[in-house]
Amino acid sequence: MPIDHLHPWCSLDHLRYVAKYSSIAQIMLTTPSENGLITQSRLILLDSPLIIFTALTVLSWTAFTNQHEQGPSKAFKPLWWFWLAATGLCLGATVSVKWVGLFTIAWVGALTLVQLWVLLGDTQTVTPVSLFQPPCLNSS
């Protein structure tokens, strides 16, 4: 099964949408109702790979955010590192296809700043010692 058939359902599932709506979005995006991407693939245009890598970035970022929101017990575990690395790799692939991928990096950067703002504002569970402690010591 190609990645573009599975991706809409996985992304909406990670965003906590109902499975019915995820399936409807998957059907709408994978039915051949528009031949725009087929036409672009016949020419030498890079919009199709850009769309795929941007979509994979969204998928990996939402999965990483879901791991982050499950609390400190899930942080720095192998699945947390996997989604963080996948986000970085997909961002690199997005910007390497076209310079428009810099907007995707700006989007993830803005969301990272929001997460950091929330983290720094949480004085009950995040102490200054735990904030500046290296990640290898936080995982134990």
Protein backbone atom coordinates (compact mmCIF):
# COMPACT_ATOMS: atom_id res chain seq x y z
CA MET A 1 0.00 0.00 0.00
CA PRO A 2 1.57 3.32 -1.02
CA ILE A 3 2.30 5.88 1.65
CA ASP A 4 -0.11 8.43 0.19
CA HIS A 5 -3.01 5.99 0.69
CA LEU A 6 -2.23 5.38 4.37
CA HIS A 7 -1.01 8.82 5.37
CA PRO A 8 -4.34 10.75 5.62
CA TRP A 9 -5.82 8.17 7.96
CA CYS A 10 -2.70 8.03 10.17
CA SER A 11 -2.40 11.81 10.41
CA LEU A 12 -6.02 12.32 11.36
CA ASP A 13 -5.80 9.41 13.79
CA HIS A 14 -2.84 11.06 15.53
CA LEU A 15 -4.82 14.31 15.66
CA ARG A 16 -7.51 12.34 17.56
CA TYR A 17 -10.26 12.50 14.95
CA VAL A 18 -12.97 9.85 14.89
CA ALA A 19 -12.09 6.85 12.69
CA LYS A 20 -15.12 7.52 10.50
CA TYR A 21 -13.86 11.00 9.59
CA SER A 22 -10.33 9.71 9.09
CA SER A 23 -11.63 7.12 6.64
CA ILE A 24 -13.71 9.70 4.77
CA ALA A 25 -10.66 11.96 4.42
CA GLN A 26 -8.56 9.03 3.23
CA ILE A 27 -11.13 8.12 0.57
CA MET A 28 -11.46 11.73 -0.57
CA LEU A 29 -7.71 12.23 -0.91
CA THR A 30 -6.92 8.94 -2.60
CA THR A 31 -9.71 8.76 -5.16
CA PRO A 32 -8.55 9.86 -8.58
CA SER A 33 -10.90 12.84 -8.80
CA GLU A 34 -8.14 15.20 -9.85
CA ASN A 35 -5.31 14.49 -12.24
CA GLY A 36 -3.16 17.40 -11.11
CA LEU A 37 -0.50 15.27 -9.44
CA ILE A 38 -0.46 12.84 -12.37
CA THR A 39 0.05 15.73 -14.76
CA GLN A 40 2.86 17.11 -12.62
CA SER A 41 4.59 13.76 -12.50
CA ARG A 42 4.75 13.71 -16.30
CA LEU A 43 6.61 17.01 -16.23
CA ILE A 44 9.68 17.65 -14.15
CA LEU A 45 7.96 19.47 -11.30
CA LEU A 46 8.77 18.93 -7.66
CA ASP A 47 5.40 19.66 -6.09
CA SER A 48 4.46 15.99 -5.69
CA PRO A 49 7.52 15.06 -3.57
CA LEU A 50 7.09 18.30 -1.64
CA ILE A 51 3.51 17.37 -0.76
CA ILE A 52 4.54 13.88 0.35
CA PHE A 53 7.44 15.08 2.51
CA THR A 54 5.34 17.87 4.03
CA ALA A 55 2.61 15.35 4.84
CA LEU A 56 5.16 13.01 6.42
CA THR A 57 6.46 15.94 8.48
CA VAL A 58 2.94 16.64 9.74
CA LEU A 59 2.48 12.95 10.59
CA SER A 60 5.76 12.64 12.48
CA TRP A 61 5.29 15.98 14.28
CA THR A 62 1.79 15.08 15.49
CA ALA A 63 3.02 11.65 16.64
CA PHE A 64 5.89 13.32 18.51
CA THR A 65 3.50 15.83 20.07
CA ASN A 66 1.23 13.00 21.19
CA GLN A 67 4.20 11.29 22.85
CA HIS A 68 5.13 14.60 24.49
CA GLU A 69 1.61 15.17 25.81
CA GLN A 70 1.50 11.77 27.53
CA GLY A 71 3.68 13.17 30.27
CA PRO A 72 7.23 12.98 31.55
CA SER A 73 7.08 9.18 31.85
CA LYS A 74 6.99 8.87 28.04
CA ALA A 75 9.72 11.44 27.39
CA PHE A 76 13.14 10.23 26.23
CA LYS A 77 11.89 6.71 25.56
CA PRO A 78 12.75 5.00 22.23
CA LEU A 79 9.41 5.86 20.59
CA TRP A 80 9.82 9.51 21.63
CA TRP A 81 13.30 9.59 20.05
CA PHE A 82 12.01 7.85 16.93
CA TRP A 83 9.31 10.44 16.25
CA LEU A 84 11.70 13.29 17.04
CA ALA A 85 14.27 11.90 14.58
CA ALA A 86 11.54 11.24 11.99
CA THR A 87 10.40 14.86 12.29
CA GLY A 88 13.94 16.09 11.70
CA LEU A 89 14.52 13.77 8.74
CA CYS A 90 11.21 14.71 7.13
CA LEU A 91 11.94 18.41 7.64
CA GLY A 92 15.31 17.92 5.96
CA ALA A 93 13.69 16.09 3.06
CA THR A 94 11.03 18.80 2.72
CA VAL A 95 13.54 21.63 2.49
CA SER A 96 15.84 19.65 0.20
CA VAL A 97 13.08 19.20 -2.39
CA LYS A 98 12.20 22.90 -2.66
CA TRP A 99 13.00 26.08 -0.78
CA VAL A 100 9.30 26.37 0.02
CA GLY A 101 10.03 23.70 2.63
CA LEU A 102 11.45 26.49 4.79
CA PHE A 103 7.85 27.44 5.56
CA THR A 104 7.37 23.95 7.00
CA ILE A 105 10.45 24.46 9.16
CA ALA A 106 9.04 27.81 10.29
CA TRP A 107 5.73 26.12 11.15
CA VAL A 108 7.39 23.39 13.25
CA GLY A 109 9.66 26.01 14.83
CA ALA A 110 6.68 28.13 15.86
CA LEU A 111 4.97 25.10 17.39
CA THR A 112 8.20 24.26 19.22
CA LEU A 113 8.31 27.78 20.66
CA VAL A 114 4.72 27.37 21.87
CA GLN A 115 5.62 24.06 23.54
CA LEU A 116 8.67 25.67 25.13
CA TRP A 117 6.55 28.57 26.38
CA VAL A 118 4.11 26.15 28.02
CA LEU A 119 6.97 24.10 29.47
CA LEU A 120 8.71 27.12 30.97
CA GLY A 121 5.42 28.35 32.41
CA ASP A 122 4.75 25.07 34.23
CA THR A 123 6.43 25.71 37.57
CA GLN A 124 4.72 22.86 39.43
CA THR A 125 6.06 19.87 37.49
CA VAL A 126 9.13 21.41 35.83
CA THR A 127 11.81 22.57 38.20
CA PRO A 128 14.86 24.56 37.08
CA VAL A 129 17.06 21.56 37.94
CA SER A 130 15.05 19.17 35.76
CA LEU A 131 14.88 21.74 32.95
CA PHE A 132 18.65 22.01 32.57
CA GLN A 133 19.42 18.38 33.34
CA PRO A 134 20.83 16.43 30.34
CA PRO A 135 18.33 14.12 28.60
CA CYS A 136 20.34 11.00 29.48
CA LEU A 137 19.79 11.73 33.19
CA ASN A 138 16.07 12.49 32.71
CA SER A 139 15.34 9.07 31.24
CA SER A 140 16.32 7.16 34.36
